[in-house]
Amino acid sequence: MLLVRPPGVYSPQADTELLTACVRREALGGSSRVLDLCTGTGAVALAAARTGALVTAVDLSARAVAAAWCNTLLHRGRVRLYRGDLLDPIPDERFDLVTANPPYVPAGPDRRGPGRGAALAWDAGPDGRLVLDRICRTVPRVLTGGGVLLVVQSDLADVPATLALLRAAGLRTSVVARRRQPFGPVMTARAALFEQLGVIGPGEREEELVVVRGVREP
């Protein structure tokens, strides 16, 4: 799918593809309400919109929201777009499906805040969980009964922690997709840091992408 992607906006990659494939397996229709967090170019939101679902997409980056707006026009997608921090723009709404491809790259002990510029799409604090933890703690409350959360992350950002937090929030959880792949440029540049943090072994240059699915009981 052709997408507009200005500089500084996250390019759809393997994690986007993995998450999109999982969205296509969900039972969505014209009455389904979908929220796509950290939407970037809007690729996942557009995949959900093609099912006829009512889709809302949110991103903290103004450039990302502009790119997603252009892409919804280009592909005639029915998507509401907001610039904001996760659930802030839609605090009182409920959704049948929430998707998220958040920043999840560990940035080391000296980088405790979110990234800046393009790095906003991948820098996620010392251990990669700066945004993941917030999603796990806040998204369950906006799910309808039987509603689903799909979140994609790297195994370098502690998948068991995601599963545990979602279970603590009352969701039934499982890993529904995996993909092993070599490090890309950002991960490669931080390989020595990852070794120091103990999240990879010496000389290891691969990660596993994982999609976690959480379901709120009806």
C-alpha atoms as a PDB file:
ATOM      1  CA  MET A   1       0.000   0.000   0.000  1.00  0.00           C
ATOM      2  CA  LEU A   2       1.388   3.373  -1.025  1.00  0.00           C
ATOM      3  CA  LEU A   3       1.715   5.673   1.975  1.00  0.00           C
ATOM      4  CA  VAL A   4       2.821   9.266   2.406  1.00  0.00           C
ATOM      5  CA  ARG A   5       5.654   9.383   4.953  1.00  0.00           C
ATOM      6  CA  PRO A   6       7.379  12.725   5.571  1.00  0.00           C
ATOM      7  CA  PRO A   7      10.752  12.868   7.352  1.00  0.00           C
ATOM      8  CA  GLY A   8      10.463  12.199  11.063  1.00  0.00           C
ATOM      9  CA  VAL A   9       7.487   9.831  10.763  1.00  0.00           C
ATOM     10  CA  TYR A  10       7.969   6.126  11.484  1.00  0.00           C
ATOM     11  CA  SER A  11       8.123   4.050   8.334  1.00  0.00           C
ATOM     12  CA  PRO A  12       5.856   0.959   8.320  1.00  0.00           C
ATOM     13  CA  GLN A  13       8.111  -2.031   8.919  1.00  0.00           C
ATOM     14  CA  ALA A  14       7.906  -5.657  10.023  1.00  0.00           C
ATOM     15  CA  ASP A  15       6.183  -4.737  13.295  1.00  0.00           C
ATOM     16  CA  THR A  16       3.517  -2.842  11.340  1.00  0.00           C
ATOM     17  CA  GLU A  17       2.997  -5.823   9.041  1.00  0.00           C
ATOM     18  CA  LEU A  18       2.754  -8.251  11.956  1.00  0.00           C
ATOM     19  CA  LEU A  19       0.205  -6.100  13.781  1.00  0.00           C
ATOM     20  CA  THR A  20      -1.823  -5.499  10.615  1.00  0.00           C
ATOM     21  CA  ALA A  21      -2.009  -9.237   9.945  1.00  0.00           C
ATOM     22  CA  CYS A  22      -3.435  -9.746  13.443  1.00  0.00           C
ATOM     23  CA  VAL A  23      -6.001  -6.979  12.919  1.00  0.00           C
ATOM     24  CA  ARG A  24      -7.240  -8.761   9.806  1.00  0.00           C
ATOM     25  CA  ARG A  25      -7.960 -11.865  11.896  1.00  0.00           C
ATOM     26  CA  GLU A  26     -10.289  -9.989  14.252  1.00  0.00           C
ATOM     27  CA  ALA A  27     -14.048 -10.095  13.686  1.00  0.00           C
ATOM     28  CA  LEU A  28     -14.706  -6.481  12.706  1.00  0.00           C
ATOM     29  CA  GLY A  29     -17.672  -4.936  10.950  1.00  0.00           C
ATOM     30  CA  GLY A  30     -19.583  -1.733  10.421  1.00  0.00           C
ATOM     31  CA  SER A  31     -20.561  -1.357  14.073  1.00  0.00           C
ATOM     32  CA  SER A  32     -17.082  -2.120  15.471  1.00  0.00           C
ATOM     33  CA  ARG A  33     -15.225   0.721  17.159  1.00  0.00           C
ATOM     34  CA  VAL A  34     -11.446   0.627  16.769  1.00  0.00           C
ATOM     35  CA  LEU A  35      -8.731   2.791  18.339  1.00  0.00           C
ATOM     36  CA  ASP A  36      -5.215   2.830  16.875  1.00  0.00           C
ATOM     37  CA  LEU A  37      -2.626   4.314  19.242  1.00  0.00           C
ATOM     38  CA  CYS A  38       0.778   5.592  18.047  1.00  0.00           C
ATOM     39  CA  THR A  39      -0.676   5.493  14.543  1.00  0.00           C
ATOM     40  CA  GLY A  40       2.327   6.884  12.632  1.00  0.00           C
ATOM     41  CA  THR A  41       1.411   6.865   8.939  1.00  0.00           C
ATOM     42  CA  GLY A  42      -1.992   5.391   9.761  1.00  0.00           C
ATOM     43  CA  ALA A  43      -1.225   2.021   8.150  1.00  0.00           C
ATOM     44  CA  VAL A  44      -2.868  -0.083  10.878  1.00  0.00           C
ATOM     45  CA  ALA A  45      -5.824   2.296  11.192  1.00  0.00           C
ATOM     46  CA  LEU A  46      -6.437   2.022   7.446  1.00  0.00           C
ATOM     47  CA  ALA A  47      -6.329  -1.774   7.626  1.00  0.00           C
ATOM     48  CA  ALA A  48      -9.050  -1.657  10.283  1.00  0.00           C
ATOM     49  CA  ALA A  49     -11.062   0.907   8.309  1.00  0.00           C
ATOM     50  CA  ARG A  50     -11.159  -1.410   5.288  1.00  0.00           C
ATOM     51  CA  THR A  51     -13.350  -3.775   7.339  1.00  0.00           C
ATOM     52  CA  GLY A  52     -15.966  -1.048   7.627  1.00  0.00           C
ATOM     53  CA  ALA A  53     -15.178  -0.401  11.291  1.00  0.00           C
ATOM     54  CA  LEU A  54     -15.402   3.047  12.870  1.00  0.00           C
ATOM     55  CA  VAL A  55     -11.741   3.902  13.443  1.00  0.00           C
ATOM     56  CA  THR A  56     -10.078   6.528  15.627  1.00  0.00           C
ATOM     57  CA  ALA A  57      -6.308   7.077  15.444  1.00  0.00           C
ATOM     58  CA  VAL A  58      -4.051   9.001  17.823  1.00  0.00           C
ATOM     59  CA  ASP A  59      -0.400  10.040  17.726  1.00  0.00           C
ATOM     60  CA  LEU A  60       1.705  12.420  19.791  1.00  0.00           C
ATOM     61  CA  SER A  61       3.591  13.625  16.713  1.00  0.00           C
ATOM     62  CA  ALA A  62       2.032  16.426  14.656  1.00  0.00           C
ATOM     63  CA  ARG A  63       3.901  15.176  11.586  1.00  0.00           C
ATOM     64  CA  ALA A  64       2.515  11.691  12.060  1.00  0.00           C
ATOM     65  CA  VAL A  65      -1.051  12.987  12.340  1.00  0.00           C
ATOM     66  CA  ALA A  66      -0.551  15.040   9.177  1.00  0.00           C
ATOM     67  CA  ALA A  67       0.844  11.996   7.360  1.00  0.00           C
ATOM     68  CA  ALA A  68      -2.036   9.804   8.531  1.00  0.00           C
ATOM     69  CA  TRP A  69      -4.522  12.463   7.401  1.00  0.00           C
ATOM     70  CA  CYS A  70      -2.962  12.495   3.924  1.00  0.00           C
ATOM     71  CA  ASN A  71      -3.039   8.705   3.775  1.00  0.00           C
ATOM     72  CA  THR A  72      -6.682   8.493   4.808  1.00  0.00           C
ATOM     73  CA  LEU A  73      -7.522  10.868   1.964  1.00  0.00           C
ATOM     74  CA  LEU A  74      -5.331   8.940  -0.474  1.00  0.00           C
ATOM     75  CA  HIS A  75      -6.973   5.623   0.393  1.00  0.00           C
ATOM     76  CA  ARG A  76     -10.439   7.001   1.211  1.00  0.00           C
ATOM     77  CA  GLY A  77     -10.309   5.611   4.708  1.00  0.00           C
ATOM     78  CA  ARG A  78     -12.900   6.510   7.336  1.00  0.00           C
ATOM     79  CA  VAL A  79     -10.636   7.456  10.240  1.00  0.00           C
ATOM     80  CA  ARG A  80     -10.939  10.132  12.939  1.00  0.00           C
ATOM     81  CA  LEU A  81      -7.522  11.557  13.732  1.00  0.00           C
ATOM     82  CA  TYR A  82      -6.290  13.226  16.909  1.00  0.00           C
ATOM     83  CA  ARG A  83      -2.963  14.553  18.048  1.00  0.00           C
ATOM     84  CA  GLY A  84      -2.421  13.697  21.677  1.00  0.00           C
ATOM     85  CA  ASP A  85      -0.931  11.429  24.316  1.00  0.00           C
ATOM     86  CA  LEU A  86      -2.510   7.958  24.128  1.00  0.00           C
ATOM     87  CA  LEU A  87      -6.056   8.171  25.538  1.00  0.00           C
ATOM     88  CA  ASP A  88      -6.036  11.882  26.370  1.00  0.00           C
ATOM     89  CA  PRO A  89      -8.069  12.959  23.287  1.00  0.00           C
ATOM     90  CA  ILE A  90     -10.811  10.345  23.853  1.00  0.00           C
ATOM     91  CA  PRO A  91     -10.958   9.700  27.637  1.00  0.00           C
ATOM     92  CA  ASP A  92     -14.635   8.734  27.823  1.00  0.00           C
ATOM     93  CA  GLU A  93     -15.031   6.506  24.753  1.00  0.00           C
ATOM     94  CA  ARG A  94     -15.086   2.711  24.598  1.00  0.00           C
ATOM     95  CA  PHE A  95     -13.696   0.466  21.868  1.00  0.00           C
ATOM     96  CA  ASP A  96     -14.101  -3.101  20.638  1.00  0.00           C
ATOM     97  CA  LEU A  97     -10.485  -3.211  19.458  1.00  0.00           C
ATOM     98  CA  VAL A  98      -7.445  -1.157  20.450  1.00  0.00           C
ATOM     99  CA  THR A  99      -4.215  -1.540  18.500  1.00  0.00           C
ATOM    100  CA  ALA A 100      -0.803  -0.113  19.362  1.00  0.00           C
ATOM    101  CA  ASN A 101       2.662  -0.087  17.832  1.00  0.00           C
ATOM    102  CA  PRO A 102       4.335   2.033  20.519  1.00  0.00           C
ATOM    103  CA  PRO A 103       7.971   3.009  20.977  1.00  0.00           C
ATOM    104  CA  TYR A 104       9.742   0.017  22.571  1.00  0.00           C
ATOM    105  CA  VAL A 105      13.496   0.427  21.994  1.00  0.00           C
ATOM    106  CA  PRO A 106      15.538   0.605  25.223  1.00  0.00           C
ATOM    107  CA  ALA A 107      17.473   3.868  25.303  1.00  0.00           C
ATOM    108  CA  GLY A 108      19.664   3.230  28.346  1.00  0.00           C
ATOM    109  CA  PRO A 109      19.750   4.585  31.915  1.00  0.00           C
ATOM    110  CA  ASP A 110      20.535   8.160  30.864  1.00  0.00           C
ATOM    111  CA  ARG A 111      17.438   8.507  28.628  1.00  0.00           C
ATOM    112  CA  ARG A 112      14.413   8.486  30.897  1.00  0.00           C
ATOM    113  CA  GLY A 113      12.047  10.579  28.811  1.00  0.00           C
ATOM    114  CA  PRO A 114      10.539  10.012  25.370  1.00  0.00           C
ATOM    115  CA  GLY A 115      12.625  10.504  22.265  1.00  0.00           C
ATOM    116  CA  ARG A 116      12.739  13.701  20.261  1.00  0.00           C
ATOM    117  CA  GLY A 117      12.098  14.202  16.560  1.00  0.00           C
ATOM    118  CA  ALA A 118      12.166  10.934  14.660  1.00  0.00           C
ATOM    119  CA  ALA A 119      13.299   9.111  17.819  1.00  0.00           C
ATOM    120  CA  LEU A 120       9.882   9.816  19.346  1.00  0.00           C
ATOM    121  CA  ALA A 121       8.722   6.751  17.362  1.00  0.00           C
ATOM    122  CA  TRP A 122      11.186   4.321  18.961  1.00  0.00           C
ATOM    123  CA  ASP A 123      12.950   5.644  22.101  1.00  0.00           C
ATOM    124  CA  ALA A 124      11.141   4.264  25.148  1.00  0.00           C
ATOM    125  CA  GLY A 125      13.144   5.055  28.250  1.00  0.00           C
ATOM    126  CA  PRO A 126      15.806   3.004  30.008  1.00  0.00           C
ATOM    127  CA  ASP A 127      14.220  -0.417  29.468  1.00  0.00           C
ATOM    128  CA  GLY A 128      11.921   0.145  26.481  1.00  0.00           C
ATOM    129  CA  ARG A 129       8.775   0.144  28.602  1.00  0.00           C
ATOM    130  CA  LEU A 130       8.058   3.857  28.992  1.00  0.00           C
ATOM    131  CA  VAL A 131       4.940   3.710  26.781  1.00  0.00           C
ATOM    132  CA  LEU A 132       4.193  -0.015  26.972  1.00  0.00           C
ATOM    133  CA  ASP A 133       3.579   0.136  30.726  1.00  0.00           C
ATOM    134  CA  ARG A 134       1.184   3.054  30.331  1.00  0.00           C
ATOM    135  CA  ILE A 135      -0.751   1.259  27.597  1.00  0.00           C
ATOM    136  CA  CYS A 136      -1.046  -1.879  29.722  1.00  0.00           C
ATOM    137  CA  ARG A 137      -2.362   0.099  32.689  1.00  0.00           C
ATOM    138  CA  THR A 138      -4.775   2.451  30.911  1.00  0.00           C
ATOM    139  CA  VAL A 139      -6.158   0.745  27.805  1.00  0.00           C
ATOM    140  CA  PRO A 140      -8.089  -2.078  29.563  1.00  0.00           C
ATOM    141  CA  ARG A 141     -10.535   0.452  31.007  1.00  0.00           C
ATOM    142  CA  VAL A 142     -11.600   1.667  27.529  1.00  0.00           C
ATOM    143  CA  LEU A 143     -12.325  -1.827  26.167  1.00  0.00           C
ATOM    144  CA  THR A 144     -15.912  -2.959  25.810  1.00  0.00           C
ATOM    145  CA  GLY A 145     -16.933  -6.329  27.234  1.00  0.00           C
ATOM    146  CA  GLY A 146     -15.203  -8.850  24.979  1.00  0.00           C
ATOM    147  CA  GLY A 147     -13.006  -6.049  23.631  1.00  0.00           C
ATOM    148  CA  VAL A 148      -9.490  -6.802  22.419  1.00  0.00           C
ATOM    149  CA  LEU A 149      -6.109  -5.097  22.755  1.00  0.00           C
ATOM    150  CA  LEU A 150      -3.387  -5.917  20.210  1.00  0.00           C
ATOM    151  CA  VAL A 151       0.061  -4.511  20.971  1.00  0.00           C
ATOM    152  CA  VAL A 152       3.298  -5.224  19.113  1.00  0.00           C
ATOM    153  CA  GLN A 153       6.728  -5.003  20.711  1.00  0.00           C
ATOM    154  CA  SER A 154      10.240  -6.437  20.663  1.00  0.00           C
ATOM    155  CA  ASP A 155      11.327  -9.197  23.013  1.00  0.00           C
ATOM    156  CA  LEU A 156      14.069  -6.779  24.125  1.00  0.00           C
ATOM    157  CA  ALA A 157      11.350  -4.828  25.986  1.00  0.00           C
ATOM    158  CA  ASP A 158      10.223  -7.634  28.329  1.00  0.00           C
ATOM    159  CA  VAL A 159       7.219  -9.428  26.855  1.00  0.00           C
ATOM    160  CA  PRO A 160       6.462 -11.218  30.177  1.00  0.00           C
ATOM    161  CA  ALA A 161       5.999  -7.805  31.805  1.00  0.00           C
ATOM    162  CA  THR A 162       3.369  -6.894  29.214  1.00  0.00           C
ATOM    163  CA  LEU A 163       1.517 -10.156  29.783  1.00  0.00           C
ATOM    164  CA  ALA A 164       1.653  -9.755  33.560  1.00  0.00           C
ATOM    165  CA  LEU A 165       0.397  -6.157  33.546  1.00  0.00           C
ATOM    166  CA  LEU A 166      -2.509  -6.961  31.249  1.00  0.00           C
ATOM    167  CA  ARG A 167      -3.479  -9.964  33.363  1.00  0.00           C
ATOM    168  CA  ALA A 168      -3.353  -7.758  36.462  1.00  0.00           C
ATOM    169  CA  ALA A 169      -5.742  -5.399  34.677  1.00  0.00           C
ATOM    170  CA  GLY A 170      -8.195  -8.262  34.179  1.00  0.00           C
ATOM    171  CA  LEU A 171      -7.454  -9.246  30.582  1.00  0.00           C
ATOM    172  CA  ARG A 172      -7.055 -12.766  29.245  1.00  0.00           C
ATOM    173  CA  THR A 173      -3.720 -12.676  27.417  1.00  0.00           C
ATOM    174  CA  SER A 174      -1.780 -14.619  24.811  1.00  0.00           C
ATOM    175  CA  VAL A 175       0.991 -14.141  22.272  1.00  0.00           C
ATOM    176  CA  VAL A 176      -0.679 -14.456  18.864  1.00  0.00           C
ATOM    177  CA  ALA A 177       2.183 -13.688  16.460  1.00  0.00           C
ATOM    178  CA  ARG A 178       5.967 -13.838  16.422  1.00  0.00           C
ATOM    179  CA  ARG A 179       8.647 -12.909  13.907  1.00  0.00           C
ATOM    180  CA  ARG A 180      12.400 -13.300  14.306  1.00  0.00           C
ATOM    181  CA  GLN A 181      14.478 -10.773  12.390  1.00  0.00           C
ATOM    182  CA  PRO A 182      17.950  -9.197  12.240  1.00  0.00           C
ATOM    183  CA  PHE A 183      18.479  -5.848  13.933  1.00  0.00           C
ATOM    184  CA  GLY A 184      17.646  -2.794  11.872  1.00  0.00           C
ATOM    185  CA  PRO A 185      19.759   0.372  11.922  1.00  0.00           C
ATOM    186  CA  VAL A 186      18.482   1.717  15.271  1.00  0.00           C
ATOM    187  CA  MET A 187      18.910  -1.602  17.081  1.00  0.00           C
ATOM    188  CA  THR A 188      22.324  -2.204  15.499  1.00  0.00           C
ATOM    189  CA  ALA A 189      23.542   1.202  16.666  1.00  0.00           C
ATOM    190  CA  ARG A 190      22.565   0.266  20.237  1.00  0.00           C
ATOM    191  CA  ALA A 191      23.767  -3.331  20.245  1.00  0.00           C
ATOM    192  CA  ALA A 192      26.648  -2.595  22.637  1.00  0.00           C
ATOM    193  CA  LEU A 193      24.196  -0.883  25.017  1.00  0.00           C
ATOM    194  CA  PHE A 194      21.852  -3.875  24.867  1.00  0.00           C
ATOM    195  CA  GLU A 195      24.744  -6.174  25.740  1.00  0.00           C
ATOM    196  CA  GLN A 196      25.582  -3.956  28.741  1.00  0.00           C
ATOM    197  CA  LEU A 197      21.945  -4.041  29.845  1.00  0.00           C
ATOM    198  CA  GLY A 198      21.912  -7.818  29.537  1.00  0.00           C
ATOM    199  CA  VAL A 199      18.944  -7.937  27.151  1.00  0.00           C
ATOM    200  CA  ILE A 200      21.018  -9.704  24.470  1.00  0.00           C
ATOM    201  CA  GLY A 201      24.030 -11.970  24.613  1.00  0.00           C
ATOM    202  CA  PRO A 202      27.491 -11.032  23.283  1.00  0.00           C
ATOM    203  CA  GLY A 203      27.382 -10.787  19.498  1.00  0.00           C
ATOM    204  CA  GLU A 204      23.617 -11.352  19.298  1.00  0.00           C
ATOM    205  CA  ARG A 205      22.076  -9.208  16.577  1.00  0.00           C
ATOM    206  CA  GLU A 206      18.500 -10.435  16.281  1.00  0.00           C
ATOM    207  CA  GLU A 207      15.200  -9.638  17.966  1.00  0.00           C
ATOM    208  CA  GLU A 208      11.821 -11.295  18.060  1.00  0.00           C
ATOM    209  CA  LEU A 209       8.774  -9.170  17.335  1.00  0.00           C
ATOM    210  CA  VAL A 210       5.721 -10.255  19.292  1.00  0.00           C
ATOM    211  CA  VAL A 211       2.033  -9.343  19.160  1.00  0.00           C
ATOM    212  CA  VAL A 212       0.291  -9.667  22.533  1.00  0.00           C
ATOM    213  CA  ARG A 213      -3.497 -10.044  22.532  1.00  0.00           C
ATOM    214  CA  GLY A 214      -5.523  -9.166  25.584  1.00  0.00           C
ATOM    215  CA  VAL A 215      -9.273  -9.760  25.875  1.00  0.00           C
ATOM    216  CA  ARG A 216     -11.587  -8.164  28.394  1.00  0.00           C
ATOM    217  CA  GLU A 217     -14.139 -10.662  29.634  1.00  0.00           C
ATOM    218  CA  PRO A 218     -17.735  -9.884  28.565  1.00  0.00           C
END
